[in-house]
Amino acid sequence: MEITELTVHELQEKLKNKELTITDITKAYVDRINEKEKDVQAFVTTLTEEAMEQAQDIQGKVEKGEITGELAGIPIGIKDNLCTKGIKTTCSSKMLENFVAPYNATVVEKLNHENMINLGKLNMDEFAMGSSTEHSYFKKTRNPWDLNKVPGGSSGGSAAAVAANLVPWALGSDTGGSIRLPASFCGVVGLKPTYGLVSRYGLVAFASSLDQVGPIAKDVRDAAMLLNIIAGHDEKDTTSSNRSKLDYTKSLKNDVKGLKIGVPKEFFGEGINEEVKASLQQAIEKYKELGAEIEEFSLDISQYALAAYYIIACAEASSNLGRFDGIRYTYRTPEFKNLKEIYKKSRSEAFGPEVKRRIILGTYVLSSGYYDAYYKKAQQVRTLVMNEFNKGFEKYDVILTPTSPNVAFDIGSKSNNPLEMYLTDICTVSINVAGLPGISIPCGVNQEGMPIGMQLIGNKFCEGTILNAAYTFEQAIKFRENYKPEIK
């Protein structure tokens, strides 16, 4: 097996046994990026030269005993909406094309503390607004399973890079499914933690009450390991939960006997692809074989949650993106006569169509006369969504749904139809609205060989429960051993 096909915990074992060095691993990924990045287009900024220099430095310090951490020298990719000091943070937008962050996001600081190696900043939908990574100013990332298809979004660069073995794991962000959807489309594992478990300090805000940083990895153990690093209270983030640190790898018991799994019938109704349904039904049968207790129930929130999500997300985006005005650290139009023209022309020229669409919608729902009818009502619906989930978790440990109604679609097939694109998120947005944790893991492929994702939802701060449920299923079907993308 090639070095770049190994999981992080396998790389750790080989480092421990001195079968590989940090420079061996980093060089293997640098070579892979040089070979395949032109096809996948996962990076906005590559840091291959810097990575090799860092690898040699860390290798030397490890040999002298100056560094002893278990993750020292392990490479990683970082979504380009997480601030990295001295490195461009563009959010895949013309607005921030030349912005170099003066500080690190808290999660980046935590990676640096572990002496991990940043291979580069990963492509995304502009300001994390999109479900396909077609809305990047710089490039369209492609799905490694089929280069004519989208990788999902907005963390499409992160998921594609992991699936194509350009990085062993990556950080993404999830506002309405932006980690889980690309994980599903690219056949990898994506975890959206409970709101407040991971610091948002240094994450360029899209919708502040919905955004959450999380891991994208090759398998569930790696996802648990990366969550161990990034989770924890941060005094710089007022929404950060002050909870005791846990080791999520200890939750991976490979046993679901007696686990109560609820299957909401509304998530398997109209609009869900038949092959996706069939694959999920096989997964349900597998859980029964493994000793889990499965029951169908009603969770009648999906149609309301999607509408509430887009109102709340767009309203918060409209507010958050007001800071990009052409005056401070952003793009400024070269031709203007007065201050008003700077604002108007800079924002018109630098924001893409999807960002403009959401700013306009968000400004509308917050405007005088419409606030009560739309934004206030959406927040009331949000409370109803939370209450419905709370009722579900009184009876079930885990809720199982598809991650997406469909598998990855062709590039360009939905980019001119925003409503059809928004429906891609119908299975994922309610989790963000309720602030719950959710994980997407591959559960099979369709007839064309494209991955199908299964979503497991847990109660607040019950990441350990869904990680174990995912891990037990993963061990049973061994997806990575049976399927892998062939980049042509």
Protein backbone atom coordinates (compact mmCIF):
# COMPACT_ATOMS: atom_id res chain seq x y z
CA MET A 1 0.00 0.00 0.00
CA GLU A 2 1.24 3.49 -0.90
CA ILE A 3 2.16 5.83 1.96
CA THR A 4 -0.59 8.27 0.98
CA GLU A 5 -3.25 5.55 1.18
CA LEU A 6 -2.57 4.95 4.88
CA THR A 7 -4.76 6.38 7.62
CA VAL A 8 -3.20 8.66 10.22
CA HIS A 9 -3.24 5.97 12.89
CA GLU A 10 -1.45 3.64 10.46
CA LEU A 11 1.12 6.37 9.76
CA GLN A 12 1.62 6.79 13.50
CA GLU A 13 2.32 3.09 13.87
CA LYS A 14 4.91 3.14 11.09
CA LEU A 15 6.61 6.19 12.62
CA LYS A 16 6.66 4.49 15.99
CA ASN A 17 8.20 1.34 14.50
CA LYS A 18 10.68 3.45 12.51
CA GLU A 19 9.41 1.99 9.23
CA LEU A 20 8.90 5.57 7.99
CA THR A 21 10.22 9.01 8.84
CA ILE A 22 8.36 12.30 8.93
CA THR A 23 10.22 13.39 5.80
CA ASP A 24 9.21 10.15 4.01
CA ILE A 25 5.55 10.81 4.74
CA THR A 26 5.63 14.49 3.84
CA LYS A 27 7.54 13.86 0.61
CA ALA A 28 5.00 11.19 -0.39
CA TYR A 29 2.17 13.72 -0.01
CA VAL A 30 4.10 16.48 -1.75
CA ASP A 31 4.77 14.14 -4.69
CA ARG A 32 1.11 13.13 -4.76
CA ILE A 33 0.01 16.78 -4.80
CA ASN A 34 2.46 17.55 -7.61
CA GLU A 35 1.07 14.61 -9.58
CA LYS A 36 -2.70 14.83 -8.98
CA GLU A 37 -3.61 18.36 -7.89
CA LYS A 38 -3.88 19.47 -11.53
CA ASP A 39 -6.74 16.97 -11.96
CA VAL A 40 -8.55 17.39 -8.63
CA GLN A 41 -8.02 21.16 -8.09
CA ALA A 42 -8.46 20.84 -4.32
CA PHE A 43 -6.06 23.59 -3.15
CA VAL A 44 -6.22 27.37 -3.30
CA THR A 45 -2.70 27.65 -1.84
CA THR A 46 -0.18 24.80 -1.69
CA LEU A 47 2.65 24.89 0.85
CA THR A 48 4.73 21.99 -0.45
CA GLU A 49 8.16 23.63 -0.15
CA GLU A 50 7.39 24.96 3.31
CA ALA A 51 6.06 21.52 4.31
CA MET A 52 9.30 19.78 3.33
CA GLU A 53 11.38 22.31 5.28
CA GLN A 54 9.11 21.88 8.31
CA ALA A 55 9.28 18.08 8.03
CA GLN A 56 13.07 18.09 8.10
CA ASP A 57 13.08 20.45 11.09
CA ILE A 58 10.54 18.35 13.06
CA GLN A 59 12.32 15.11 12.14
CA GLY A 60 15.55 16.48 13.58
CA LYS A 61 13.86 17.60 16.80
CA VAL A 62 12.10 14.25 17.20
CA GLU A 63 15.43 12.43 16.83
CA LYS A 64 16.94 14.67 19.53
CA GLY A 65 13.96 14.08 21.82
CA GLU A 66 12.95 17.74 21.74
CA ILE A 67 9.49 16.85 20.36
CA THR A 68 7.57 13.83 21.63
CA GLY A 69 3.96 14.35 20.52
CA GLU A 70 2.19 11.45 18.77
CA LEU A 71 1.01 13.66 15.91
CA ALA A 72 4.30 15.50 15.35
CA GLY A 73 5.07 15.67 11.65
CA ILE A 74 1.67 14.41 10.47
CA PRO A 75 0.49 16.46 7.45
CA ILE A 76 -2.95 18.08 7.23
CA GLY A 77 -4.97 20.31 4.89
CA ILE A 78 -6.96 23.33 6.13
CA LYS A 79 -10.11 24.82 4.62
CA ASP A 80 -9.43 28.32 3.34
CA ASN A 81 -11.86 30.07 5.70
CA LEU A 82 -9.69 29.28 8.74
CA CYS A 83 -7.17 32.04 9.49
CA THR A 84 -3.52 31.02 9.16
CA LYS A 85 -0.92 33.57 10.25
CA GLY A 86 1.32 34.68 7.39
CA ILE A 87 -0.56 32.55 4.84
CA LYS A 88 -3.36 33.67 2.52
CA THR A 89 -6.90 33.11 3.82
CA THR A 90 -9.14 33.85 0.85
CA CYS A 91 -12.48 32.11 1.56
CA SER A 92 -12.20 31.35 -2.19
CA SER A 93 -13.37 34.90 -2.93
CA LYS A 94 -12.02 37.75 -5.01
CA MET A 95 -12.90 39.91 -2.00
CA LEU A 96 -10.08 38.30 0.04
CA GLU A 97 -7.85 37.26 -2.86
CA ASN A 98 -4.74 38.83 -1.30
CA PHE A 99 -5.66 38.77 2.39
CA VAL A 100 -2.92 37.35 4.65
CA ALA A 101 -4.22 36.63 8.13
CA PRO A 102 -2.28 38.32 10.97
CA TYR A 103 -3.23 35.58 13.45
CA ASN A 104 -4.14 31.89 13.63
CA ALA A 105 -7.58 30.44 14.25
CA THR A 106 -7.71 28.59 17.57
CA VAL A 107 -7.99 25.22 15.81
CA VAL A 108 -4.90 26.06 13.73
CA GLU A 109 -3.02 26.98 16.91
CA LYS A 110 -3.95 23.57 18.30
CA LEU A 111 -2.58 21.84 15.18
CA ASN A 112 0.62 23.87 15.48
CA HIS A 113 0.93 22.91 19.14
CA GLU A 114 0.95 19.27 18.00
CA ASN A 115 3.68 20.12 15.43
CA MET A 116 1.51 19.03 12.51
CA ILE A 117 2.47 20.09 8.98
CA ASN A 118 0.12 22.27 6.90
CA LEU A 119 0.19 21.12 3.26
CA GLY A 120 -1.98 24.02 2.14
CA LYS A 121 -5.31 25.85 2.14
CA LEU A 122 -8.19 23.98 0.55
CA ASN A 123 -10.75 25.22 -1.97
CA MET A 124 -14.38 25.87 -1.01
CA ASP A 125 -17.55 27.57 -2.13
CA GLU A 126 -17.07 31.32 -1.75
CA PHE A 127 -17.51 32.28 1.92
CA ALA A 128 -18.78 28.70 2.45
CA MET A 129 -21.97 29.42 0.53
CA GLY A 130 -22.78 26.46 -1.69
CA SER A 131 -23.16 22.71 -1.91
CA SER A 132 -20.83 21.85 -4.79
CA THR A 133 -17.58 23.90 -4.62
CA GLU A 134 -18.54 25.37 -7.98
CA HIS A 135 -18.88 28.82 -6.39
CA SER A 136 -15.17 29.39 -5.81
CA TYR A 137 -13.58 32.44 -7.43
CA PHE A 138 -10.41 30.49 -8.22
CA LYS A 139 -11.36 27.04 -9.54
CA LYS A 140 -13.91 24.23 -9.53
CA THR A 141 -12.77 21.29 -7.42
CA ARG A 142 -13.52 17.88 -8.92
CA ASN A 143 -14.65 14.64 -7.33
CA PRO A 144 -11.81 12.06 -7.30
CA TRP A 145 -14.34 9.25 -7.94
CA ASP A 146 -15.36 10.93 -11.21
CA LEU A 147 -13.65 14.13 -12.32
CA ASN A 148 -16.79 15.25 -14.17
CA LYS A 149 -18.76 15.38 -10.93
CA VAL A 150 -18.82 17.83 -8.02
CA PRO A 151 -17.21 16.93 -4.68
CA GLY A 152 -20.01 18.57 -2.69
CA GLY A 153 -19.65 21.72 -0.68
CA SER A 154 -18.78 23.96 0.79
CA SER A 155 -15.81 21.95 2.13
CA GLY A 156 -15.35 20.26 -1.25
CA GLY A 157 -11.62 20.92 -1.41
CA SER A 158 -11.13 19.28 2.00
CA ALA A 159 -13.14 16.14 1.16
CA ALA A 160 -11.67 15.79 -2.34
CA ALA A 161 -8.12 16.17 -1.00
CA VAL A 162 -8.68 13.39 1.55
CA ALA A 163 -10.38 11.11 -0.99
CA ALA A 164 -7.61 11.68 -3.55
CA ASN A 165 -4.89 11.03 -0.92
CA LEU A 166 -3.51 14.56 -1.29
CA VAL A 167 -3.76 14.94 2.50
CA PRO A 168 -4.30 12.27 5.17
CA TRP A 169 -7.03 14.35 6.83
CA ALA A 170 -8.37 17.90 6.76
CA LEU A 171 -10.33 20.55 8.62
CA GLY A 172 -13.62 21.74 7.19
CA SER A 173 -16.48 23.89 8.42
CA ASP A 174 -20.17 23.00 8.50
CA THR A 175 -23.00 25.55 8.45
CA GLY A 176 -25.76 23.42 6.92
CA GLY A 177 -23.97 20.25 5.87
CA SER A 178 -20.71 21.60 4.46
CA ILE A 179 -18.59 18.85 6.06
CA ARG A 180 -21.06 15.96 5.81
CA LEU A 181 -22.27 16.52 2.25
CA PRO A 182 -18.80 16.52 0.60
CA ALA A 183 -17.79 13.60 2.83
CA SER A 184 -20.78 11.71 1.44
CA PHE A 185 -20.06 12.65 -2.18
CA CYS A 186 -16.36 11.77 -1.86
CA GLY A 187 -16.68 8.54 0.13
CA VAL A 188 -14.88 9.73 3.27
CA VAL A 189 -15.82 10.41 6.91
CA GLY A 190 -17.02 13.87 7.93
CA LEU A 191 -17.99 14.93 11.45
CA LYS A 192 -19.94 18.06 12.38
CA PRO A 193 -19.50 18.49 16.16
CA THR A 194 -22.05 19.90 18.59
CA TYR A 195 -22.30 23.68 18.37
CA GLY A 196 -19.84 25.10 20.90
CA LEU A 197 -17.62 22.02 21.21
CA VAL A 198 -14.96 23.44 18.85
CA SER A 199 -13.86 27.07 18.89
CA ARG A 200 -14.97 29.30 16.01
CA TYR A 201 -12.32 31.94 16.77
CA GLY A 202 -10.52 32.63 13.49
CA LEU A 203 -13.16 30.96 11.34
CA VAL A 204 -14.38 33.58 8.86
CA ALA A 205 -18.06 33.82 9.78
CA PHE A 206 -20.87 32.85 7.42
CA ALA A 207 -23.76 32.27 9.87
CA SER A 208 -22.47 32.59 13.42
CA SER A 209 -25.21 30.57 15.14
CA LEU A 210 -24.78 27.66 12.72
CA ASP A 211 -21.06 27.47 11.80
CA GLN A 212 -18.91 24.71 13.28
CA VAL A 213 -15.37 23.49 12.52
CA GLY A 214 -14.88 19.72 12.21
CA PRO A 215 -12.71 16.91 10.81
CA ILE A 216 -12.79 15.15 7.45
CA ALA A 217 -10.83 11.90 7.49
CA LYS A 218 -10.30 8.54 5.81
CA ASP A 219 -11.87 6.58 8.65
CA VAL A 220 -13.74 7.05 11.92
CA ARG A 221 -10.71 6.54 14.19
CA ASP A 222 -8.87 9.36 12.44
CA ALA A 223 -11.94 11.61 12.80
CA ALA A 224 -12.05 10.87 16.53
CA MET A 225 -8.31 11.59 16.85
CA LEU A 226 -8.62 14.95 15.10
CA LEU A 227 -11.66 15.87 17.20
CA ASN A 228 -9.54 15.19 20.30
CA ILE A 229 -7.12 17.87 19.13
CA ILE A 230 -9.56 20.62 18.12
CA ALA A 231 -12.31 20.23 20.76
CA GLY A 232 -12.25 22.23 23.96
CA HIS A 233 -13.17 25.52 25.58
CA ASP A 234 -11.76 28.76 24.17
CA GLU A 235 -12.07 32.02 26.07
CA LYS A 236 -11.80 33.89 22.76
CA ASP A 237 -15.13 32.37 21.62
CA THR A 238 -18.11 33.33 23.78
CA THR A 239 -20.19 30.46 22.33
CA SER A 240 -17.53 27.90 23.30
CA SER A 241 -18.76 25.29 25.77
CA ASN A 242 -16.72 24.88 28.96
CA ARG A 243 -16.74 21.09 29.23
CA SER A 244 -14.19 18.52 30.36
CA LYS A 245 -11.90 17.24 27.61
CA LEU A 246 -12.66 13.72 26.42
CA ASP A 247 -10.67 11.12 24.50
CA TYR A 248 -13.10 10.21 21.74
CA THR A 249 -11.00 7.26 20.57
CA LYS A 250 -12.00 5.50 23.81
CA SER A 251 -15.60 5.55 22.59
CA LEU A 252 -14.73 3.25 19.67
CA LYS A 253 -15.88 -0.06 21.19
CA ASN A 254 -16.91 -1.88 17.96
CA ASP A 255 -20.13 -2.89 19.70
CA VAL A 256 -23.67 -1.58 19.18
CA LYS A 257 -25.60 -4.28 21.00
CA GLY A 258 -28.64 -2.66 22.58
CA LEU A 259 -28.04 0.69 20.87
CA LYS A 260 -31.41 2.26 20.05
CA ILE A 261 -31.44 3.73 16.55
CA GLY A 262 -34.39 5.77 15.31
CA VAL A 263 -35.09 6.00 11.58
CA PRO A 264 -37.28 9.02 10.70
CA LYS A 265 -39.61 8.03 7.86
CA GLU A 266 -39.78 11.60 6.53
CA PHE A 267 -36.10 11.41 5.52
CA PHE A 268 -36.79 8.44 3.25
CA GLY A 269 -39.75 9.89 1.37
CA GLU A 270 -40.20 11.78 -1.88
CA GLY A 271 -37.04 13.19 -3.43
CA ILE A 272 -34.65 10.56 -2.05
CA ASN A 273 -32.93 8.57 -4.80
CA GLU A 274 -33.96 4.88 -4.90
CA GLU A 275 -30.36 3.63 -4.87
CA VAL A 276 -29.64 5.81 -1.82
CA LYS A 277 -32.71 4.36 -0.08
CA ALA A 278 -31.66 0.80 -0.94
CA SER A 279 -28.13 1.33 0.37
CA LEU A 280 -29.44 2.85 3.61
CA GLN A 281 -31.86 -0.06 4.02
CA GLN A 282 -28.92 -2.47 3.74
CA ALA A 283 -27.10 -0.42 6.40
CA ILE A 284 -30.14 -0.68 8.68
CA GLU A 285 -30.19 -4.46 8.22
CA LYS A 286 -26.47 -4.58 9.04
CA TYR A 287 -27.09 -2.68 12.27
CA LYS A 288 -29.79 -5.21 13.17
CA GLU A 289 -27.30 -8.03 12.57
CA LEU A 290 -24.84 -6.24 14.86
CA GLY A 291 -27.39 -6.16 17.68
CA ALA A 292 -28.76 -2.62 17.46
CA GLU A 293 -32.46 -1.98 18.06
CA ILE A 294 -33.98 -0.22 15.05
CA GLU A 295 -37.33 1.54 15.00
CA GLU A 296 -39.04 3.80 12.48
CA PHE A 297 -40.56 6.99 13.86
CA SER A 298 -41.86 10.37 12.73
CA LEU A 299 -39.62 13.45 12.75
CA ASP A 300 -41.72 15.87 10.74
CA ILE A 301 -39.25 18.77 10.58
CA SER A 302 -37.27 18.48 7.34
CA GLN A 303 -39.44 20.72 5.17
CA TYR A 304 -39.64 23.39 7.89
CA ALA A 305 -36.00 23.15 8.89
CA LEU A 306 -34.76 23.84 5.36
CA ALA A 307 -36.81 27.04 5.06
CA ALA A 308 -35.83 28.18 8.56
CA TYR A 309 -32.18 27.43 7.86
CA TYR A 310 -31.99 29.54 4.69
CA ILE A 311 -33.70 32.49 6.37
CA ILE A 312 -31.43 32.38 9.45
CA ALA A 313 -28.25 31.64 7.46
CA CYS A 314 -28.85 34.39 4.91
CA ALA A 315 -29.78 36.93 7.60
CA GLU A 316 -26.59 36.22 9.54
CA ALA A 317 -24.52 36.18 6.34
CA SER A 318 -25.89 39.59 5.38
CA SER A 319 -24.77 40.94 8.75
CA ASN A 320 -21.39 39.18 8.84
CA LEU A 321 -20.41 40.15 5.30
CA GLY A 322 -21.12 43.83 5.95
CA ARG A 323 -17.50 44.16 7.13
CA PHE A 324 -16.19 43.54 3.59
CA ASP A 325 -16.52 47.10 2.42
CA GLY A 326 -13.48 47.89 0.25
CA ILE A 327 -12.01 50.11 2.96
CA ARG A 328 -9.96 47.85 5.23
CA TYR A 329 -8.35 44.50 4.34
CA THR A 330 -10.46 43.57 1.31
CA TYR A 331 -10.60 44.17 -2.44
CA ARG A 332 -11.09 47.80 -3.42
CA THR A 333 -12.43 48.90 -6.79
CA PRO A 334 -9.74 50.76 -8.79
CA GLU A 335 -12.16 53.45 -10.02
CA PHE A 336 -14.35 55.48 -7.68
CA LYS A 337 -15.45 59.07 -7.11
CA ASN A 338 -16.61 58.95 -3.49
CA LEU A 339 -17.05 56.73 -0.44
CA LYS A 340 -20.43 55.42 -1.56
CA GLU A 341 -18.94 54.26 -4.85
CA ILE A 342 -16.13 52.43 -3.04
CA TYR A 343 -18.70 50.43 -1.09
CA LYS A 344 -21.00 49.75 -4.00
CA LYS A 345 -18.45 48.94 -6.69
CA SER A 346 -16.07 46.97 -4.47
CA ARG A 347 -18.83 44.67 -3.24
CA SER A 348 -20.39 44.38 -6.70
CA GLU A 349 -17.09 43.46 -8.33
CA ALA A 350 -15.67 41.16 -5.63
CA PHE A 351 -18.64 39.07 -4.45
CA GLY A 352 -19.80 36.17 -6.61
CA PRO A 353 -23.46 35.59 -7.61
CA GLU A 354 -24.29 33.09 -4.84
CA VAL A 355 -22.92 35.39 -2.12
CA LYS A 356 -24.84 38.35 -3.56
CA ARG A 357 -28.01 36.26 -3.69
CA ARG A 358 -27.74 35.38 0.00
CA ILE A 359 -26.83 38.92 1.09
CA ILE A 360 -29.90 40.29 -0.74
CA LEU A 361 -32.19 37.64 0.74
CA GLY A 362 -30.73 38.13 4.22
CA THR A 363 -31.06 41.90 4.07
CA TYR A 364 -34.66 41.51 2.95
CA VAL A 365 -35.71 39.21 5.82
CA LEU A 366 -34.08 41.55 8.36
CA SER A 367 -35.63 44.70 6.91
CA SER A 368 -38.33 46.75 8.62
CA GLY A 369 -41.76 45.20 8.08
CA TYR A 370 -40.40 41.75 7.23
CA TYR A 371 -38.31 40.89 10.31
CA ASP A 372 -41.30 39.50 12.27
CA ALA A 373 -42.75 37.67 9.28
CA TYR A 374 -39.52 35.91 8.33
CA TYR A 375 -36.53 36.05 10.68
CA LYS A 376 -38.49 35.96 13.95
CA LYS A 377 -40.70 33.18 12.58
CA ALA A 378 -37.65 31.17 11.48
CA GLN A 379 -36.19 31.42 14.99
CA GLN A 380 -39.49 30.14 16.41
CA VAL A 381 -39.35 27.22 13.98
CA ARG A 382 -35.79 26.61 15.16
CA THR A 383 -37.11 26.07 18.69
CA LEU A 384 -39.70 23.60 17.33
CA VAL A 385 -36.94 21.69 15.49
CA MET A 386 -34.90 21.47 18.70
CA ASN A 387 -37.95 20.25 20.61
CA GLU A 388 -38.69 17.55 18.04
CA PHE A 389 -35.13 16.26 18.25
CA ASN A 390 -35.29 16.34 22.05
CA LYS A 391 -38.39 14.12 21.91
CA GLY A 392 -36.57 11.74 19.59
CA PHE A 393 -33.55 11.48 21.89
CA GLU A 394 -35.78 10.64 24.86
CA LYS A 395 -36.28 7.29 23.10
CA TYR A 396 -33.27 6.80 20.80
CA ASP A 397 -29.49 7.01 21.19
CA VAL A 398 -28.85 7.72 17.51
CA ILE A 399 -30.97 8.91 14.58
CA LEU A 400 -30.09 7.47 11.15
CA THR A 401 -30.79 9.25 7.84
CA PRO A 402 -29.26 9.65 4.37
CA THR A 403 -26.61 12.37 4.25
CA SER A 404 -27.88 13.53 0.86
CA PRO A 405 -30.93 12.70 -1.29
CA ASN A 406 -28.52 11.86 -4.14
CA VAL A 407 -24.96 10.94 -4.99
CA ALA A 408 -22.55 13.48 -6.52
CA PHE A 409 -23.99 15.17 -9.61
CA ASP A 410 -22.34 16.44 -12.80
CA ILE A 411 -20.45 19.73 -12.69
CA GLY A 412 -22.73 22.48 -14.03
CA SER A 413 -25.94 20.45 -13.82
CA LYS A 414 -27.43 22.46 -10.90
CA SER A 415 -25.38 25.64 -10.81
CA ASN A 416 -28.05 27.62 -12.68
CA ASN A 417 -30.88 26.38 -10.46
CA PRO A 418 -30.37 27.68 -6.90
CA LEU A 419 -33.54 26.07 -5.50
CA GLU A 420 -32.55 22.63 -6.77
CA MET A 421 -29.07 23.16 -5.32
CA TYR A 422 -30.51 24.19 -1.94
CA LEU A 423 -32.55 20.96 -1.76
CA THR A 424 -29.24 19.06 -1.72
CA ASP A 425 -28.97 20.14 1.94
CA ILE A 426 -32.42 18.91 3.00
CA CYS A 427 -31.05 16.01 5.09
CA THR A 428 -28.29 17.96 6.83
CA VAL A 429 -29.51 21.47 7.74
CA SER A 430 -31.79 20.50 10.63
CA ILE A 431 -28.76 19.28 12.61
CA ASN A 432 -27.16 22.75 12.42
CA VAL A 433 -30.46 24.46 13.24
CA ALA A 434 -30.69 22.32 16.40
CA GLY A 435 -26.94 22.55 17.21
CA LEU A 436 -26.52 18.75 17.24
CA PRO A 437 -23.56 16.55 16.24
CA GLY A 438 -23.76 14.52 13.03
CA ILE A 439 -21.38 12.25 11.16
CA SER A 440 -21.43 11.06 7.54
CA ILE A 441 -19.82 7.75 6.66
CA PRO A 442 -19.87 5.84 3.36
CA CYS A 443 -22.32 2.93 3.32
CA GLY A 444 -22.06 1.75 -0.30
CA VAL A 445 -21.89 2.84 -3.93
CA ASN A 446 -24.49 3.18 -6.68
CA GLN A 447 -24.42 1.43 -10.07
CA GLU A 448 -22.05 4.05 -11.45
CA GLY A 449 -19.64 3.40 -8.58
CA MET A 450 -20.28 6.73 -6.80
CA PRO A 451 -20.26 6.72 -2.98
CA ILE A 452 -23.45 6.90 -0.91
CA GLY A 453 -23.33 8.52 2.53
CA MET A 454 -25.18 7.62 5.73
CA GLN A 455 -25.74 10.24 8.43
CA LEU A 456 -25.81 9.41 12.14
CA ILE A 457 -27.15 12.15 14.42
CA GLY A 458 -26.55 12.30 18.17
CA ASN A 459 -27.85 14.30 21.10
CA LYS A 460 -25.85 17.36 22.14
CA PHE A 461 -22.27 16.53 23.17
CA CYS A 462 -22.83 12.82 22.45
CA GLU A 463 -20.08 12.63 19.81
CA GLY A 464 -18.80 9.45 21.45
CA THR A 465 -22.10 7.66 20.77
CA ILE A 466 -22.25 8.46 17.05
CA LEU A 467 -18.53 7.84 16.59
CA ASN A 468 -18.90 4.35 18.06
CA ALA A 469 -22.00 3.64 15.95
CA ALA A 470 -20.11 4.79 12.84
CA TYR A 471 -16.96 2.88 13.78
CA THR A 472 -18.82 -0.39 14.40
CA PHE A 473 -20.56 -0.15 11.02
CA GLU A 474 -17.30 0.80 9.30
CA GLN A 475 -15.53 -2.25 10.75
CA ALA A 476 -18.38 -4.48 9.57
CA ILE A 477 -18.54 -3.37 5.92
CA LYS A 478 -14.87 -2.35 5.39
CA PHE A 479 -15.72 0.25 2.75
CA ARG A 480 -12.13 1.46 2.23
CA GLU A 481 -10.93 -2.08 1.55
CA ASN A 482 -13.60 -2.71 -1.07
CA TYR A 483 -13.89 0.64 -2.84
CA LYS A 484 -11.55 3.47 -3.73
CA PRO A 485 -11.55 6.26 -6.30
CA GLU A 486 -9.49 5.84 -9.44
CA ILE A 487 -8.44 9.29 -10.65
CA LYS A 488 -8.21 9.05 -14.41
